[in-house]
C-alpha atoms as a PDB file:
ATOM      1  CA  MET A   1       0.000   0.000   0.000  1.00  0.00           C
ATOM      2  CA  ASN A   2       2.813   2.414   0.885  1.00  0.00           C
ATOM      3  CA  ILE A   3       4.545   1.670  -2.422  1.00  0.00           C
ATOM      4  CA  CYS A   4       1.370   2.471  -4.374  1.00  0.00           C
ATOM      5  CA  ARG A   5       0.949   5.735  -2.472  1.00  0.00           C
ATOM      6  CA  SER A   6       4.544   6.700  -3.222  1.00  0.00           C
ATOM      7  CA  ILE A   7       4.097   5.981  -6.933  1.00  0.00           C
ATOM      8  CA  ILE A   8       0.869   8.001  -7.115  1.00  0.00           C
ATOM      9  CA  ALA A   9       2.451  10.902  -5.202  1.00  0.00           C
ATOM     10  CA  ALA A  10       5.452  10.924  -7.539  1.00  0.00           C
ATOM     11  CA  GLY A  11       3.203  10.906 -10.590  1.00  0.00           C
ATOM     12  CA  LEU A  12       1.117  13.781  -9.268  1.00  0.00           C
ATOM     13  CA  ALA A  13       4.283  15.765  -8.547  1.00  0.00           C
ATOM     14  CA  VAL A  14       5.448  15.261 -12.143  1.00  0.00           C
ATOM     15  CA  MET A  15       2.076  16.359 -13.524  1.00  0.00           C
ATOM     16  CA  LEU A  16       1.901  19.425 -11.296  1.00  0.00           C
ATOM     17  CA  SER A  17       5.390  20.437 -12.354  1.00  0.00           C
ATOM     18  CA  GLY A  18       4.311  20.095 -15.976  1.00  0.00           C
ATOM     19  CA  LEU A  19       1.279  22.239 -15.337  1.00  0.00           C
ATOM     20  CA  GLY A  20       3.447  24.868 -13.701  1.00  0.00           C
ATOM     21  CA  ALA A  21       5.531  25.017 -16.869  1.00  0.00           C
ATOM     22  CA  CYS A  22       2.539  26.212 -18.918  1.00  0.00           C
ATOM     23  CA  THR A  23       3.256  29.681 -20.280  1.00  0.00           C
ATOM     24  CA  THR A  24       1.048  32.731 -19.944  1.00  0.00           C
ATOM     25  CA  ILE A  25       1.177  36.149 -21.490  1.00  0.00           C
ATOM     26  CA  GLY A  26       3.293  37.625 -18.718  1.00  0.00           C
ATOM     27  CA  SER A  27       5.690  34.695 -18.365  1.00  0.00           C
ATOM     28  CA  PRO A  28       9.420  34.939 -19.268  1.00  0.00           C
ATOM     29  CA  ALA A  29       8.826  32.609 -22.230  1.00  0.00           C
ATOM     30  CA  HIS A  30       6.862  35.359 -23.958  1.00  0.00           C
ATOM     31  CA  ALA A  31       9.158  38.150 -22.838  1.00  0.00           C
ATOM     32  CA  ASP A  32      11.651  37.151 -25.531  1.00  0.00           C
ATOM     33  CA  TYR A  33       9.100  38.013 -28.231  1.00  0.00           C
ATOM     34  CA  ARG A  34       8.133  41.452 -26.991  1.00  0.00           C
ATOM     35  CA  PRO A  35       8.634  44.244 -29.559  1.00  0.00           C
ATOM     36  CA  THR A  36      12.022  45.924 -29.621  1.00  0.00           C
ATOM     37  CA  MET A  37      11.925  49.675 -29.421  1.00  0.00           C
ATOM     38  CA  PRO A  38      14.380  51.789 -31.450  1.00  0.00           C
ATOM     39  CA  PRO A  39      17.043  53.649 -29.485  1.00  0.00           C
ATOM     40  CA  GLN A  40      16.213  57.242 -28.724  1.00  0.00           C
ATOM     41  CA  PRO A  41      18.535  59.550 -30.677  1.00  0.00           C
ATOM     42  CA  VAL A  42      20.315  62.352 -28.923  1.00  0.00           C
ATOM     43  CA  LEU A  43      19.144  65.498 -30.668  1.00  0.00           C
ATOM     44  CA  PRO A  44      21.576  68.401 -30.746  1.00  0.00           C
ATOM     45  CA  ALA A  45      20.298  71.860 -30.193  1.00  0.00           C
ATOM     46  CA  ALA A  46      19.030  73.455 -33.386  1.00  0.00           C
ATOM     47  CA  THR A  47      21.323  76.214 -34.566  1.00  0.00           C
ATOM     48  CA  SER A  48      19.368  77.404 -37.550  1.00  0.00           C
ATOM     49  CA  GLY A  49      15.849  77.776 -38.739  1.00  0.00           C
ATOM     50  CA  ALA A  50      16.238  75.393 -41.693  1.00  0.00           C
ATOM     51  CA  ILE A  51      13.479  72.880 -42.426  1.00  0.00           C
ATOM     52  CA  TYR A  52      15.905  69.929 -42.756  1.00  0.00           C
ATOM     53  CA  GLN A  53      17.728  68.869 -39.608  1.00  0.00           C
ATOM     54  CA  PRO A  54      20.371  66.053 -39.908  1.00  0.00           C
ATOM     55  CA  ALA A  55      19.546  64.586 -36.493  1.00  0.00           C
ATOM     56  CA  ARG A  56      15.896  63.991 -37.398  1.00  0.00           C
ATOM     57  CA  GLY A  57      16.689  60.995 -39.599  1.00  0.00           C
ATOM     58  CA  LEU A  58      14.678  62.314 -42.534  1.00  0.00           C
ATOM     59  CA  SER A  59      15.674  60.745 -45.861  1.00  0.00           C
ATOM     60  CA  LEU A  60      14.151  61.595 -49.209  1.00  0.00           C
ATOM     61  CA  PHE A  61      15.689  58.714 -51.156  1.00  0.00           C
ATOM     62  CA  GLU A  62      15.165  55.647 -48.919  1.00  0.00           C
ATOM     63  CA  ASP A  63      12.442  53.027 -49.292  1.00  0.00           C
ATOM     64  CA  VAL A  64      10.264  51.699 -46.477  1.00  0.00           C
ATOM     65  CA  LYS A  65      12.150  48.449 -45.939  1.00  0.00           C
ATOM     66  CA  ALA A  66      13.184  47.485 -42.428  1.00  0.00           C
ATOM     67  CA  ARG A  67      16.866  48.095 -41.767  1.00  0.00           C
ATOM     68  CA  ARG A  68      17.220  49.521 -38.255  1.00  0.00           C
ATOM     69  CA  VAL A  69      16.525  48.253 -34.748  1.00  0.00           C
ATOM     70  CA  GLY A  70      12.867  48.755 -33.958  1.00  0.00           C
ATOM     71  CA  ASP A  71      11.683  48.759 -37.579  1.00  0.00           C
ATOM     72  CA  THR A  72       8.725  46.512 -38.372  1.00  0.00           C
ATOM     73  CA  LEU A  73       8.720  43.721 -40.941  1.00  0.00           C
ATOM     74  CA  THR A  74       5.830  41.568 -42.155  1.00  0.00           C
ATOM     75  CA  ILE A  75       6.512  37.838 -42.488  1.00  0.00           C
ATOM     76  CA  ARG A  76       4.258  35.835 -44.771  1.00  0.00           C
ATOM     77  CA  LEU A  77       3.806  32.398 -43.197  1.00  0.00           C
ATOM     78  CA  ALA A  78       3.898  29.778 -45.931  1.00  0.00           C
ATOM     79  CA  GLU A  79       4.986  26.637 -44.094  1.00  0.00           C
ATOM     80  CA  LYS A  80       4.100  23.226 -45.426  1.00  0.00           C
ATOM     81  CA  THR A  81       5.862  20.006 -44.518  1.00  0.00           C
ATOM     82  CA  GLN A  82       5.108  16.416 -45.368  1.00  0.00           C
ATOM     83  CA  ALA A  83       7.046  13.358 -44.299  1.00  0.00           C
ATOM     84  CA  SER A  84       6.515   9.626 -44.615  1.00  0.00           C
ATOM     85  CA  LYS A  85       8.547   6.627 -43.596  1.00  0.00           C
ATOM     86  CA  SER A  86       8.155   2.885 -44.008  1.00  0.00           C
ATOM     87  CA  ALA A  87      10.281  -0.076 -43.033  1.00  0.00           C
ATOM     88  CA  SER A  88      10.037  -3.849 -43.274  1.00  0.00           C
ATOM     89  CA  SER A  89      12.279  -6.677 -42.166  1.00  0.00           C
ATOM     90  CA  ASP A  90      12.292 -10.460 -42.519  1.00  0.00           C
ATOM     91  CA  ALA A  91      14.548 -12.959 -40.786  1.00  0.00           C
ATOM     92  CA  SER A  92      14.606 -16.744 -40.693  1.00  0.00           C
ATOM     93  CA  LYS A  93      16.874 -19.357 -39.177  1.00  0.00           C
ATOM     94  CA  GLU A  94      16.983 -23.145 -39.385  1.00  0.00           C
ATOM     95  CA  SER A  95      19.273 -25.589 -37.571  1.00  0.00           C
ATOM     96  CA  THR A  96      19.619 -29.365 -37.336  1.00  0.00           C
ATOM     97  CA  VAL A  97      21.559 -31.357 -34.732  1.00  0.00           C
ATOM     98  CA  ASP A  98      22.212 -35.082 -35.055  1.00  0.00           C
ATOM     99  CA  THR A  99      24.145 -36.793 -32.235  1.00  0.00           C
ATOM    100  CA  GLY A 100      24.435 -40.145 -33.982  1.00  0.00           C
ATOM    101  CA  VAL A 101      24.715 -43.551 -32.258  1.00  0.00           C
ATOM    102  CA  PRO A 102      27.423 -43.836 -29.603  1.00  0.00           C
ATOM    103  CA  ILE A 103      29.930 -46.627 -30.412  1.00  0.00           C
ATOM    104  CA  ILE A 104      31.428 -48.709 -27.605  1.00  0.00           C
ATOM    105  CA  GLY A 105      33.880 -51.495 -28.370  1.00  0.00           C
ATOM    106  CA  GLY A 106      33.421 -50.987 -32.072  1.00  0.00           C
ATOM    107  CA  LYS A 107      29.672 -51.574 -31.873  1.00  0.00           C
ATOM    108  CA  GLY A 108      26.753 -49.233 -31.572  1.00  0.00           C
ATOM    109  CA  ILE A 109      24.432 -49.389 -28.616  1.00  0.00           C
ATOM    110  CA  THR A 110      21.264 -51.142 -29.695  1.00  0.00           C
ATOM    111  CA  ARG A 111      18.281 -52.817 -28.147  1.00  0.00           C
ATOM    112  CA  ASN A 112      16.240 -55.364 -30.011  1.00  0.00           C
ATOM    113  CA  GLY A 113      17.970 -54.241 -33.183  1.00  0.00           C
ATOM    114  CA  LYS A 114      17.120 -50.578 -32.696  1.00  0.00           C
ATOM    115  CA  ASP A 115      19.688 -47.865 -32.162  1.00  0.00           C
ATOM    116  CA  LEU A 116      19.706 -46.242 -28.771  1.00  0.00           C
ATOM    117  CA  LEU A 117      20.784 -42.700 -27.868  1.00  0.00           C
ATOM    118  CA  ASN A 118      20.347 -41.599 -31.473  1.00  0.00           C
ATOM    119  CA  ASN A 119      18.942 -38.063 -31.150  1.00  0.00           C
ATOM    120  CA  GLU A 120      18.158 -35.474 -33.776  1.00  0.00           C
ATOM    121  CA  TRP A 121      16.804 -31.954 -33.255  1.00  0.00           C
ATOM    122  CA  GLU A 122      15.484 -29.473 -35.762  1.00  0.00           C
ATOM    123  CA  THR A 123      14.666 -25.844 -35.011  1.00  0.00           C
ATOM    124  CA  GLU A 124      13.175 -23.147 -37.200  1.00  0.00           C
ATOM    125  CA  GLN A 125      12.646 -19.461 -36.445  1.00  0.00           C
ATOM    126  CA  ASP A 126      10.897 -16.843 -38.558  1.00  0.00           C
ATOM    127  CA  PHE A 127      10.394 -13.119 -37.985  1.00  0.00           C
ATOM    128  CA  SER A 128       8.525 -10.587 -40.088  1.00  0.00           C
ATOM    129  CA  GLY A 129       7.875  -6.949 -39.204  1.00  0.00           C
ATOM    130  CA  LYS A 130       6.500  -3.887 -40.988  1.00  0.00           C
ATOM    131  CA  GLY A 131       6.000  -0.286 -39.945  1.00  0.00           C
ATOM    132  CA  SER A 132       4.995   2.996 -41.543  1.00  0.00           C
ATOM    133  CA  SER A 133       4.292   6.564 -40.449  1.00  0.00           C
ATOM    134  CA  SER A 134       3.280   9.790 -42.137  1.00  0.00           C
ATOM    135  CA  GLN A 135       2.889  13.385 -41.008  1.00  0.00           C
ATOM    136  CA  SER A 136       1.911  16.632 -42.689  1.00  0.00           C
ATOM    137  CA  ASN A 137       1.664  20.201 -41.399  1.00  0.00           C
ATOM    138  CA  SER A 138       0.515  23.470 -42.920  1.00  0.00           C
ATOM    139  CA  LEU A 139       0.614  27.033 -41.581  1.00  0.00           C
ATOM    140  CA  SER A 140      -0.293  30.167 -43.508  1.00  0.00           C
ATOM    141  CA  GLY A 141      -0.959  33.783 -42.599  1.00  0.00           C
ATOM    142  CA  ASN A 142       0.872  37.021 -41.868  1.00  0.00           C
ATOM    143  CA  ILE A 143       2.633  38.304 -38.769  1.00  0.00           C
ATOM    144  CA  THR A 144       4.468  41.591 -38.287  1.00  0.00           C
ATOM    145  CA  VAL A 145       7.641  41.515 -36.198  1.00  0.00           C
ATOM    146  CA  THR A 146      10.276  44.018 -35.149  1.00  0.00           C
ATOM    147  CA  VAL A 147      14.004  44.133 -35.793  1.00  0.00           C
ATOM    148  CA  ALA A 148      15.792  43.254 -32.550  1.00  0.00           C
ATOM    149  CA  GLU A 149      19.383  43.416 -33.764  1.00  0.00           C
ATOM    150  CA  VAL A 150      21.391  44.334 -36.856  1.00  0.00           C
ATOM    151  CA  HIS A 151      24.393  42.083 -37.465  1.00  0.00           C
ATOM    152  CA  SER A 152      27.723  43.312 -38.769  1.00  0.00           C
ATOM    153  CA  ASN A 153      27.007  41.834 -42.217  1.00  0.00           C
ATOM    154  CA  GLY A 154      23.697  43.660 -42.461  1.00  0.00           C
ATOM    155  CA  ASN A 155      21.414  40.722 -41.645  1.00  0.00           C
ATOM    156  CA  LEU A 156      18.476  41.434 -39.364  1.00  0.00           C
ATOM    157  CA  LEU A 157      17.523  39.463 -36.278  1.00  0.00           C
ATOM    158  CA  VAL A 158      13.731  39.701 -36.064  1.00  0.00           C
ATOM    159  CA  ARG A 159      11.214  38.358 -33.576  1.00  0.00           C
ATOM    160  CA  GLY A 160       7.637  38.944 -32.577  1.00  0.00           C
ATOM    161  CA  GLU A 161       4.321  37.362 -31.713  1.00  0.00           C
ATOM    162  CA  LYS A 162       0.612  37.747 -32.383  1.00  0.00           C
ATOM    163  CA  TRP A 163      -2.150  36.907 -29.889  1.00  0.00           C
ATOM    164  CA  LEU A 164      -5.744  36.206 -30.871  1.00  0.00           C
ATOM    165  CA  THR A 165      -8.627  35.862 -28.407  1.00  0.00           C
ATOM    166  CA  LEU A 166     -11.334  33.744 -30.007  1.00  0.00           C
ATOM    167  CA  ASN A 167     -14.479  32.917 -28.037  1.00  0.00           C
ATOM    168  CA  GLN A 168     -13.266  30.912 -25.020  1.00  0.00           C
ATOM    169  CA  GLY A 169      -9.610  30.540 -25.864  1.00  0.00           C
ATOM    170  CA  GLU A 170      -6.458  32.344 -26.909  1.00  0.00           C
ATOM    171  CA  GLU A 171      -4.154  31.445 -29.780  1.00  0.00           C
ATOM    172  CA  PHE A 172      -0.737  32.852 -30.465  1.00  0.00           C
ATOM    173  CA  VAL A 173       1.937  32.735 -33.149  1.00  0.00           C
ATOM    174  CA  GLN A 174       5.579  33.367 -32.312  1.00  0.00           C
ATOM    175  CA  ILE A 175       8.452  33.629 -34.746  1.00  0.00           C
ATOM    176  CA  SER A 176      12.113  34.585 -34.607  1.00  0.00           C
ATOM    177  CA  GLY A 177      14.954  34.278 -37.086  1.00  0.00           C
ATOM    178  CA  ILE A 178      17.458  36.034 -39.311  1.00  0.00           C
ATOM    179  CA  VAL A 179      16.455  37.881 -42.481  1.00  0.00           C
ATOM    180  CA  ARG A 180      18.677  39.092 -45.308  1.00  0.00           C
ATOM    181  CA  PRO A 181      17.814  42.616 -46.448  1.00  0.00           C
ATOM    182  CA  VAL A 182      18.001  41.478 -50.077  1.00  0.00           C
ATOM    183  CA  ASP A 183      15.112  39.043 -49.433  1.00  0.00           C
ATOM    184  CA  ILE A 184      12.763  41.800 -48.242  1.00  0.00           C
ATOM    185  CA  ALA A 185      10.197  42.682 -50.908  1.00  0.00           C
ATOM    186  CA  SER A 186       9.269  46.212 -51.917  1.00  0.00           C
ATOM    187  CA  ASP A 187       6.199  46.101 -49.629  1.00  0.00           C
ATOM    188  CA  ASN A 188       8.436  45.402 -46.591  1.00  0.00           C
ATOM    189  CA  SER A 189       7.522  41.711 -46.348  1.00  0.00           C
ATOM    190  CA  VAL A 190       9.400  38.426 -46.583  1.00  0.00           C
ATOM    191  CA  ASP A 191       8.361  34.798 -46.937  1.00  0.00           C
ATOM    192  CA  SER A 192       8.860  32.603 -43.891  1.00  0.00           C
ATOM    193  CA  TYR A 193      10.874  30.021 -45.823  1.00  0.00           C
ATOM    194  CA  LYS A 194      13.529  32.696 -46.423  1.00  0.00           C
ATOM    195  CA  VAL A 195      14.006  33.286 -42.691  1.00  0.00           C
ATOM    196  CA  ALA A 196      17.193  31.611 -41.483  1.00  0.00           C
ATOM    197  CA  ASP A 197      17.271  29.750 -38.160  1.00  0.00           C
ATOM    198  CA  ALA A 198      13.513  30.259 -37.959  1.00  0.00           C
ATOM    199  CA  ARG A 199      11.664  29.259 -34.802  1.00  0.00           C
ATOM    200  CA  ILE A 200       7.923  29.253 -35.362  1.00  0.00           C
ATOM    201  CA  THR A 201       5.460  28.410 -32.608  1.00  0.00           C
ATOM    202  CA  TYR A 202       1.703  28.116 -33.040  1.00  0.00           C
ATOM    203  CA  SER A 203      -0.235  27.129 -29.953  1.00  0.00           C
ATOM    204  CA  GLY A 204      -3.062  28.218 -27.707  1.00  0.00           C
ATOM    205  CA  GLN A 205      -4.575  28.124 -24.263  1.00  0.00           C
ATOM    206  CA  GLY A 206      -8.080  28.154 -22.882  1.00  0.00           C
ATOM    207  CA  THR A 207     -11.118  25.910 -23.106  1.00  0.00           C
ATOM    208  CA  LEU A 208     -10.477  24.629 -26.623  1.00  0.00           C
ATOM    209  CA  ALA A 209      -6.816  23.896 -25.933  1.00  0.00           C
ATOM    210  CA  ASP A 210      -7.702  22.106 -22.688  1.00  0.00           C
ATOM    211  CA  ALA A 211     -10.239  19.952 -24.540  1.00  0.00           C
ATOM    212  CA  ASN A 212      -7.465  18.658 -26.821  1.00  0.00           C
ATOM    213  CA  ARG A 213      -5.119  17.930 -23.917  1.00  0.00           C
ATOM    214  CA  PRO A 214      -5.193  14.602 -22.020  1.00  0.00           C
ATOM    215  CA  GLY A 215      -6.412  14.743 -18.443  1.00  0.00           C
ATOM    216  CA  LEU A 216      -4.298  14.398 -15.319  1.00  0.00           C
ATOM    217  CA  LEU A 217      -4.955  10.693 -14.815  1.00  0.00           C
ATOM    218  CA  THR A 218      -4.361   9.925 -18.486  1.00  0.00           C
ATOM    219  CA  ARG A 219      -0.990  11.708 -18.455  1.00  0.00           C
ATOM    220  CA  PHE A 220      -0.118   9.985 -15.186  1.00  0.00           C
ATOM    221  CA  PHE A 221      -0.689   6.494 -16.542  1.00  0.00           C
ATOM    222  CA  ILE A 222       1.026   7.308 -19.847  1.00  0.00           C
ATOM    223  CA  LYS A 223       4.170   8.357 -17.960  1.00  0.00           C
ATOM    224  CA  LEU A 224       3.954   5.413 -15.569  1.00  0.00           C
ATOM    225  CA  TRP A 225       3.176   2.760 -18.194  1.00  0.00           C
ATOM    226  CA  PRO A 226       4.135   4.209 -21.604  1.00  0.00           C
ATOM    227  CA  LEU A 227       3.484   0.876 -23.322  1.00  0.00           C
END
């Protein structure tokens, strides 16, 4: 009885620790995807009454593409993956053992004309196994992120998230990665498959997400007896 109580207590502790790891909007897991604000420039005192001031950052010949820390960039999510795998194996083995008739004094051991201690064994083993699996995923949409860092080679480290509250649940999309300025289109957007080292997360929380999650007892028995 004590052993059973210890096992149940350990399983509940594991499940509670897993529940404590669930992320919320204000948790550190989401802090990494908060928008990055541009640094505040130090404006020198105006010395003339001219309309153009160099410290204002006004440029008449630049496009609207993201290039500085804090600039926004729209990422077009166009993720689609499909994978399949199959395997099969066959094995067989046969063996025969014949001890023959023992010979003593030049004669075999017999009884009533029949050989004694003449043994023969035959064994046969066969194995056949097959397995297959397939998986496909698709994610499409748009998400606008901010530039968090500009590398020395000009590449942009971008990250951001989008939260949606739908009926009784919340869904969010998070993305981070590195974008080459040459891949940014004229409308200040880039396809997700051109984002290097991309980390894309699509998940949710609330009533609908809880309905698709196994209960406490189910997770307990899966961890205790995975087979």
